[in-house]
Protein backbone atom coordinates (compact mmCIF):
# COMPACT_ATOMS: atom_id res chain seq x y z
CA UNK A 1 33.76 42.91 -136.94
CA UNK A 2 34.91 41.83 -140.36
CA UNK A 3 33.68 38.54 -141.96
CA UNK A 4 36.55 36.55 -140.75
CA UNK A 5 36.77 37.53 -137.20
CA UNK A 6 32.96 36.80 -136.83
CA UNK A 7 34.18 33.37 -138.16
CA UNK A 8 36.73 32.97 -135.78
CA UNK A 9 34.39 33.96 -132.80
CA UNK A 10 31.54 31.18 -133.78
CA UNK A 11 34.51 28.56 -133.88
CA UNK A 12 36.29 29.68 -130.39
CA UNK A 13 32.79 30.03 -129.21
CA UNK A 14 32.32 25.84 -129.90
CA UNK A 15 35.87 25.02 -128.86
CA UNK A 16 36.78 24.15 -132.29
CA UNK A 17 40.22 25.97 -133.81
CA UNK A 18 40.87 27.89 -136.68
CA UNK A 19 42.62 25.86 -139.18
CA UNK A 20 43.88 26.85 -142.46
CA UNK A 21 41.42 24.20 -144.39
CA UNK A 22 38.66 25.25 -142.18
CA UNK A 23 39.60 29.03 -143.32
CA UNK A 24 40.06 28.22 -146.76
CA UNK A 25 36.64 26.56 -147.07
CA UNK A 26 35.16 29.78 -145.45
CA UNK A 27 36.78 31.74 -147.65
CA UNK A 28 35.95 29.66 -151.01
CA UNK A 29 31.98 29.84 -149.88
CA UNK A 30 32.60 33.75 -149.58
CA UNK A 31 33.60 34.12 -152.74
CA UNK A 32 30.60 32.56 -154.94
CA UNK A 33 27.40 33.68 -155.99
CA UNK A 34 25.85 30.43 -155.45
CA UNK A 35 25.52 27.00 -153.55
CA UNK A 36 28.11 24.30 -154.34
CA UNK A 37 28.34 20.57 -154.26
CA UNK A 38 30.62 18.94 -152.42
CA UNK A 39 31.98 18.06 -155.50
CA UNK A 40 32.42 21.46 -156.44
CA UNK A 41 33.95 22.65 -153.21
CA UNK A 42 36.32 19.82 -153.74
CA UNK A 43 37.14 20.92 -157.20
CA UNK A 44 37.60 24.40 -156.31
CA UNK A 45 40.12 23.19 -153.30
CA UNK A 46 42.28 20.80 -155.28
CA UNK A 47 45.05 23.50 -155.59
CA UNK A 48 45.09 23.64 -152.08
CA UNK A 49 45.33 19.89 -151.54
CA UNK A 50 42.05 19.52 -149.71
CA UNK A 51 41.65 15.73 -148.98
CA UNK A 52 37.70 15.15 -149.60
CA UNK A 53 37.87 13.37 -145.42
CA UNK A 54 38.83 16.86 -144.29
CA UNK A 55 36.38 18.71 -146.61
CA UNK A 56 33.38 16.54 -145.99
CA UNK A 57 34.06 16.74 -141.60
CA UNK A 58 34.73 20.84 -142.39
CA UNK A 59 31.15 20.59 -144.33
CA UNK A 60 29.58 19.00 -141.35
CA UNK A 61 30.96 20.56 -138.46
CA UNK A 62 29.95 24.11 -140.05
CA UNK A 63 26.28 22.95 -140.35
CA UNK A 64 26.20 21.92 -137.15
CA UNK A 65 27.37 25.50 -135.58
CA UNK A 66 25.55 27.24 -138.09
CA UNK A 67 28.04 29.32 -140.57
CA UNK A 68 26.94 26.63 -144.07
CA UNK A 69 23.13 25.52 -144.53
CA UNK A 70 22.79 22.70 -146.88
CA UNK A 71 20.16 22.72 -149.60
CA UNK A 72 18.82 20.21 -152.09
CA UNK A 73 19.25 21.30 -155.77
CA UNK A 74 16.74 20.02 -158.31
CA UNK A 75 18.83 17.33 -159.32
CA UNK A 76 19.00 16.13 -155.96
CA UNK A 77 22.32 17.04 -155.20
CA UNK A 78 23.19 18.62 -151.54
CA UNK A 79 24.58 22.07 -152.07
CA UNK A 80 26.19 24.33 -149.58
CA UNK A 81 25.86 28.31 -148.94
CA UNK A 82 27.15 30.74 -146.08
CA UNK A 83 24.22 31.67 -143.46
CA UNK A 84 23.88 35.31 -141.97
CA UNK A 85 25.80 36.78 -140.48
CA UNK A 86 28.15 35.23 -142.87
CA UNK A 87 26.54 36.36 -146.36
CA UNK A 88 23.55 38.70 -147.11
CA UNK A 89 19.98 37.51 -145.86
CA UNK A 90 18.14 35.62 -148.90
CA UNK A 91 15.92 33.05 -150.13
CA UNK A 92 16.28 30.68 -153.34
CA UNK A 93 14.69 30.81 -156.91
CA UNK A 94 15.55 27.63 -158.23
CA UNK A 95 15.15 26.69 -162.19
CA UNK A 96 13.23 23.19 -162.47
CA UNK A 97 14.62 23.03 -165.95
CA UNK A 98 18.15 23.33 -165.65
CA UNK A 99 18.77 23.07 -161.77
CA UNK A 100 20.36 26.61 -161.47
CA UNK A 101 19.67 28.23 -158.00
CA UNK A 102 19.74 32.53 -157.81
CA UNK A 103 19.88 34.15 -154.59
CA UNK A 104 17.09 36.44 -153.92
CA UNK A 105 18.14 39.42 -151.59
CA UNK A 106 15.15 39.81 -149.36
CA UNK A 107 14.33 43.14 -147.14
CA UNK A 108 13.49 43.03 -143.71
CA UNK A 109 10.54 44.53 -143.97
CA UNK A 110 9.39 41.64 -146.79
CA UNK A 111 6.08 40.06 -146.24
CA UNK A 112 7.08 36.92 -145.13
CA UNK A 113 9.97 38.74 -142.56
CA UNK A 114 7.42 40.61 -141.16
CA UNK A 115 5.13 37.65 -140.83
CA UNK A 116 8.12 35.05 -139.16
CA UNK A 117 8.40 37.81 -137.01
CA UNK A 118 5.04 37.58 -135.38
CA UNK A 119 4.78 34.18 -135.15
CA UNK A 120 4.63 32.72 -131.67
CA UNK A 121 7.57 30.12 -131.86
CA UNK A 122 8.78 27.43 -129.56
CA UNK A 123 12.17 28.15 -129.66
CA UNK A 124 14.92 30.18 -130.83
CA UNK A 125 15.29 30.60 -135.01
CA UNK A 126 18.78 29.80 -136.36
CA UNK A 127 17.43 30.70 -140.06
CA UNK A 128 14.57 29.95 -142.21
CA UNK A 129 14.47 28.91 -145.81
CA UNK A 130 12.17 30.09 -148.57
CA UNK A 131 12.31 28.79 -152.11
CA UNK A 132 10.62 29.66 -154.93
CA UNK A 133 10.82 27.40 -157.98
CA UNK A 134 9.93 27.94 -161.91
CA UNK A 135 11.73 27.99 -165.11
CA UNK A 136 14.95 31.04 -165.72
CA UNK A 137 14.97 33.71 -168.44
CA UNK A 138 17.98 31.56 -170.03
CA UNK A 139 15.99 28.57 -170.12
CA UNK A 140 12.46 30.03 -171.52
CA UNK A 141 15.23 31.71 -174.46
CA UNK A 142 16.15 28.22 -175.24
CA UNK A 143 12.40 26.87 -174.98
CA UNK A 144 11.79 29.76 -176.94
CA UNK A 145 14.40 29.36 -179.71
CA UNK A 146 13.27 25.48 -180.28
CA UNK A 147 9.83 25.75 -180.45
CA UNK A 148 10.33 29.09 -183.23
CA UNK A 149 12.78 26.60 -184.72
CA UNK A 150 10.04 23.09 -184.90
CA UNK A 151 7.13 26.33 -185.79
CA UNK A 152 9.00 27.54 -188.92
CA UNK A 153 9.78 23.59 -190.28
CA UNK A 154 6.38 22.96 -189.91
């Protein structure tokens, strides 16, 4: 079953209609490589004529039925991304300098995945989240350039 068919099935199982607005938000999140904030979603959907309240209701609905998850960015903004089965299972590397979030694909035999399966949990897992924090190579390169300029002028 393709991603949109699974999306339609999730909505139907939750007794929700498939609207053009919901489908457009879903498609946008499926096209991007990194999580998007509400303002980024809205900016990308302006051509579609999406009104902010409609987008905000759609986001909350998608979170509540497990289509997307919300993440807090380094800057404190909330960003959204698709959950499996709509996107590959992954974790995140977050740059503490520029705030960018990079997806990290995870294999089913990764240590944390094995550990999660071995836990005795008090309920069903909808999803889990692992974030790794550091400084991305882009910021490291910029810092090295700036430090090189400072040391050469001293």
